[in-house]
Amino acid sequence: MWINSNKDPIEHIKAELHIIKLNEGDRYMDGFVTSKYKRQLLEIYWYLEDLIEDCNTYIGEDEWYKQREKDKMIRKLSKPNGHK
């Protein structure tokens, strides 16, 4: 059960992940510390990959992936010189 039952659990998870990302990018911490945050994100990413591999396939799912590729391309093109 979520602490705040009125809050969407997906938004809660995204907020927690965003905090990890902010810590990873903290320029006042050294790479030894910030690399641990990136490792946490990668562990979550790999865990989700494994979960998704075990999920069913649904009609229309291809559209989700196509939209994701479009969103990624737009995000990449909107970055100056293709950098972070």
N, C-alpha and C. Protein backbone atom coordinates (compact mmCIF):
# COMPACT_ATOMS: atom_id res chain seq x y z
N MET A 1 0.84 -1.19 0.00
CA MET A 1 0.00 0.00 0.00
C MET A 1 0.88 1.25 0.00
N TRP A 2 0.50 2.21 -0.80
CA TRP A 2 1.26 3.45 -0.88
C TRP A 2 0.96 4.32 0.31
N ILE A 3 1.94 5.07 0.75
CA ILE A 3 1.79 5.97 1.89
C ILE A 3 0.66 6.95 1.63
N ASN A 4 0.65 7.57 0.47
CA ASN A 4 -0.41 8.50 0.10
C ASN A 4 -1.26 7.80 -0.94
N SER A 5 -2.37 7.25 -0.53
CA SER A 5 -3.21 6.47 -1.44
C SER A 5 -3.86 7.32 -2.52
N ASN A 6 -3.84 8.65 -2.35
CA ASN A 6 -4.42 9.53 -3.37
C ASN A 6 -3.45 9.78 -4.51
N LYS A 7 -2.19 9.45 -4.30
CA LYS A 7 -1.17 9.70 -5.32
C LYS A 7 -1.03 8.48 -6.22
N ASP A 8 -0.94 8.73 -7.50
CA ASP A 8 -0.75 7.67 -8.49
C ASP A 8 0.59 7.00 -8.23
N PRO A 9 0.60 5.67 -8.06
CA PRO A 9 1.87 4.99 -7.75
C PRO A 9 2.93 5.18 -8.84
N ILE A 10 2.53 5.29 -10.09
CA ILE A 10 3.51 5.50 -11.17
C ILE A 10 4.17 6.87 -11.01
N GLU A 11 3.40 7.88 -10.66
CA GLU A 11 3.98 9.21 -10.45
C GLU A 11 4.90 9.20 -9.25
N HIS A 12 4.56 8.45 -8.23
CA HIS A 12 5.41 8.32 -7.05
C HIS A 12 6.76 7.69 -7.43
N ILE A 13 6.71 6.60 -8.19
CA ILE A 13 7.93 5.92 -8.64
C ILE A 13 8.77 6.85 -9.50
N LYS A 14 8.13 7.56 -10.43
CA LYS A 14 8.86 8.49 -11.29
C LYS A 14 9.55 9.58 -10.47
N ALA A 15 8.87 10.07 -9.45
CA ALA A 15 9.44 11.12 -8.60
C ALA A 15 10.68 10.58 -7.86
N GLU A 16 10.59 9.37 -7.35
CA GLU A 16 11.73 8.77 -6.66
C GLU A 16 12.91 8.55 -7.62
N LEU A 17 12.61 8.11 -8.83
CA LEU A 17 13.67 7.91 -9.83
C LEU A 17 14.30 9.24 -10.23
N HIS A 18 13.48 10.27 -10.31
CA HIS A 18 13.99 11.60 -10.64
C HIS A 18 14.98 12.08 -9.57
N ILE A 19 14.70 11.78 -8.33
CA ILE A 19 15.61 12.16 -7.24
C ILE A 19 16.96 11.45 -7.41
N ILE A 20 16.90 10.17 -7.77
CA ILE A 20 18.15 9.43 -8.01
C ILE A 20 18.93 10.09 -9.15
N LYS A 21 18.23 10.47 -10.21
CA LYS A 21 18.89 11.11 -11.36
C LYS A 21 19.49 12.46 -10.96
N LEU A 22 18.79 13.22 -10.15
CA LEU A 22 19.34 14.50 -9.70
C LEU A 22 20.62 14.28 -8.90
N ASN A 23 20.62 13.28 -8.04
CA ASN A 23 21.83 12.97 -7.27
C ASN A 23 22.96 12.51 -8.19
N GLU A 24 22.64 11.74 -9.20
CA GLU A 24 23.66 11.27 -10.15
C GLU A 24 24.32 12.45 -10.86
N GLY A 25 23.57 13.48 -11.13
CA GLY A 25 24.10 14.63 -11.86
C GLY A 25 24.61 15.75 -10.98
N ASP A 26 24.70 15.53 -9.68
CA ASP A 26 25.16 16.56 -8.74
C ASP A 26 26.63 16.86 -8.97
N ARG A 27 26.92 18.04 -9.43
CA ARG A 27 28.30 18.40 -9.76
C ARG A 27 29.17 18.63 -8.54
N TYR A 28 28.57 18.67 -7.36
CA TYR A 28 29.34 18.85 -6.13
C TYR A 28 29.78 17.53 -5.52
N MET A 29 29.34 16.42 -6.10
CA MET A 29 29.78 15.11 -5.64
C MET A 29 30.79 14.56 -6.64
N ASP A 30 31.68 13.70 -6.17
CA ASP A 30 32.66 13.13 -7.08
C ASP A 30 32.07 11.93 -7.82
N GLY A 31 32.80 11.47 -8.82
CA GLY A 31 32.33 10.37 -9.66
C GLY A 31 32.15 9.06 -8.91
N PHE A 32 32.91 8.87 -7.85
CA PHE A 32 32.76 7.65 -7.06
C PHE A 32 31.36 7.59 -6.47
N VAL A 33 30.88 8.71 -5.97
CA VAL A 33 29.55 8.78 -5.35
C VAL A 33 28.46 8.76 -6.42
N THR A 34 28.60 9.60 -7.45
CA THR A 34 27.53 9.71 -8.45
C THR A 34 27.39 8.44 -9.29
N SER A 35 28.50 7.70 -9.45
CA SER A 35 28.41 6.46 -10.22
C SER A 35 27.49 5.45 -9.54
N LYS A 36 27.39 5.51 -8.23
CA LYS A 36 26.50 4.61 -7.50
C LYS A 36 25.04 4.90 -7.84
N TYR A 37 24.72 6.16 -8.06
CA TYR A 37 23.35 6.52 -8.43
C TYR A 37 23.02 6.01 -9.84
N LYS A 38 23.98 6.16 -10.74
CA LYS A 38 23.75 5.64 -12.09
C LYS A 38 23.57 4.13 -12.04
N ARG A 39 24.37 3.46 -11.22
CA ARG A 39 24.25 2.01 -11.07
C ARG A 39 22.85 1.63 -10.57
N GLN A 40 22.32 2.42 -9.64
CA GLN A 40 20.97 2.17 -9.13
C GLN A 40 19.94 2.26 -10.27
N LEU A 41 20.09 3.29 -11.09
CA LEU A 41 19.16 3.45 -12.22
C LEU A 41 19.28 2.28 -13.19
N LEU A 42 20.50 1.85 -13.46
CA LEU A 42 20.70 0.72 -14.36
C LEU A 42 20.11 -0.56 -13.78
N GLU A 43 20.26 -0.78 -12.49
CA GLU A 43 19.69 -1.98 -11.87
C GLU A 43 18.17 -1.98 -11.99
N ILE A 44 17.56 -0.82 -11.82
CA ILE A 44 16.11 -0.69 -11.98
C ILE A 44 15.72 -0.94 -13.43
N TYR A 45 16.48 -0.36 -14.36
CA TYR A 45 16.23 -0.54 -15.79
C TYR A 45 16.28 -2.02 -16.17
N TRP A 46 17.32 -2.70 -15.72
CA TRP A 46 17.47 -4.13 -16.05
C TRP A 46 16.37 -4.96 -15.40
N TYR A 47 15.98 -4.60 -14.19
CA TYR A 47 14.89 -5.30 -13.51
C TYR A 47 13.59 -5.16 -14.30
N LEU A 48 13.33 -3.94 -14.76
CA LEU A 48 12.13 -3.69 -15.56
C LEU A 48 12.19 -4.44 -16.89
N GLU A 49 13.35 -4.48 -17.52
CA GLU A 49 13.50 -5.25 -18.75
C GLU A 49 13.11 -6.70 -18.54
N ASP A 50 13.60 -7.29 -17.44
CA ASP A 50 13.27 -8.68 -17.14
C ASP A 50 11.78 -8.87 -16.90
N LEU A 51 11.17 -7.95 -16.18
CA LEU A 51 9.73 -8.04 -15.93
C LEU A 51 8.94 -7.95 -17.23
N ILE A 52 9.34 -7.02 -18.09
CA ILE A 52 8.62 -6.80 -19.35
C ILE A 52 8.76 -8.00 -20.28
N GLU A 53 9.93 -8.63 -20.27
CA GLU A 53 10.13 -9.83 -21.09
C GLU A 53 9.14 -10.93 -20.72
N ASP A 54 8.75 -10.97 -19.46
CA ASP A 54 7.83 -12.01 -18.98
C ASP A 54 6.36 -11.62 -19.11
N CYS A 55 6.10 -10.42 -19.62
CA CYS A 55 4.70 -9.97 -19.79
C CYS A 55 4.09 -10.52 -21.07
N ASN A 56 2.78 -10.50 -21.10
CA ASN A 56 2.04 -10.88 -22.31
C ASN A 56 2.26 -9.83 -23.41
N THR A 57 1.92 -10.19 -24.63
CA THR A 57 1.94 -9.26 -25.76
C THR A 57 0.50 -8.88 -26.07
N TYR A 58 0.28 -7.59 -26.35
CA TYR A 58 -1.08 -7.09 -26.55
C TYR A 58 -1.25 -6.49 -27.94
N ILE A 59 -2.46 -6.54 -28.42
CA ILE A 59 -2.80 -5.90 -29.70
C ILE A 59 -2.57 -4.39 -29.54
N GLY A 60 -1.92 -3.80 -30.50
CA GLY A 60 -1.64 -2.37 -30.47
C GLY A 60 -0.35 -2.01 -29.75
N GLU A 61 0.31 -2.99 -29.19
CA GLU A 61 1.55 -2.74 -28.45
C GLU A 61 2.64 -2.16 -29.36
N ASP A 62 2.65 -2.56 -30.62
CA ASP A 62 3.64 -2.02 -31.56
C ASP A 62 3.57 -0.50 -31.62
N GLU A 63 2.37 0.04 -31.49
CA GLU A 63 2.20 1.49 -31.53
C GLU A 63 2.88 2.16 -30.34
N TRP A 64 2.86 1.50 -29.18
CA TRP A 64 3.53 2.05 -28.00
C TRP A 64 5.01 2.21 -28.28
N TYR A 65 5.60 1.18 -28.90
CA TYR A 65 7.04 1.20 -29.19
C TYR A 65 7.37 2.22 -30.28
N LYS A 66 6.51 2.34 -31.28
CA LYS A 66 6.73 3.34 -32.33
C LYS A 66 6.69 4.74 -31.74
N GLN A 67 5.72 4.99 -30.87
CA GLN A 67 5.60 6.31 -30.25
C GLN A 67 6.81 6.60 -29.38
N ARG A 68 7.29 5.59 -28.68
CA ARG A 68 8.47 5.75 -27.82
C ARG A 68 9.70 6.13 -28.67
N GLU A 69 9.85 5.47 -29.82
CA GLU A 69 10.98 5.80 -30.70
C GLU A 69 10.87 7.23 -31.21
N LYS A 70 9.67 7.67 -31.54
CA LYS A 70 9.46 9.06 -31.98
C LYS A 70 9.83 10.02 -30.85
N ASP A 71 9.36 9.72 -29.64
CA ASP A 71 9.65 10.59 -28.49
C ASP A 71 11.14 10.67 -28.22
N LYS A 72 11.83 9.53 -28.33
CA LYS A 72 13.28 9.52 -28.12
C LYS A 72 14.00 10.36 -29.17
N MET A 73 13.56 10.26 -30.41
CA MET A 73 14.18 11.03 -31.49
C MET A 73 13.97 12.53 -31.26
N ILE A 74 12.76 12.91 -30.88
CA ILE A 74 12.48 14.33 -30.62
C ILE A 74 13.34 14.82 -29.46
N ARG A 75 13.46 14.02 -28.42
CA ARG A 75 14.28 14.40 -27.27
C ARG A 75 15.74 14.56 -27.68
N LYS A 76 16.23 13.63 -28.48
CA LYS A 76 17.63 13.69 -28.92
C LYS A 76 17.87 14.91 -29.80
N LEU A 77 16.95 15.19 -30.71
CA LEU A 77 17.12 16.32 -31.61
C LEU A 77 16.97 17.67 -30.91
N SER A 78 16.25 17.69 -29.79
CA SER A 78 16.05 18.96 -29.08
C SER A 78 17.22 19.30 -28.17
N LYS A 79 18.18 18.38 -28.00
CA LYS A 79 19.36 18.66 -27.20
C LYS A 79 20.39 19.39 -28.06
N PRO A 80 21.05 20.39 -27.48
CA PRO A 80 22.07 21.09 -28.27
C PRO A 80 23.21 20.15 -28.65
N ASN A 81 23.51 20.08 -29.92
CA ASN A 81 24.59 19.25 -30.46
C ASN A 81 24.44 17.77 -30.09
N GLY A 82 23.23 17.33 -29.79
CA GLY A 82 23.00 15.93 -29.45
C GLY A 82 23.57 15.51 -28.12
N HIS A 83 23.93 16.47 -27.26
CA HIS A 83 24.51 16.17 -25.95
C HIS A 83 23.45 16.27 -24.88
N LYS A 84 23.83 15.82 -23.68
CA LYS A 84 22.93 15.87 -22.52
C LYS A 84 22.42 17.24 -22.24
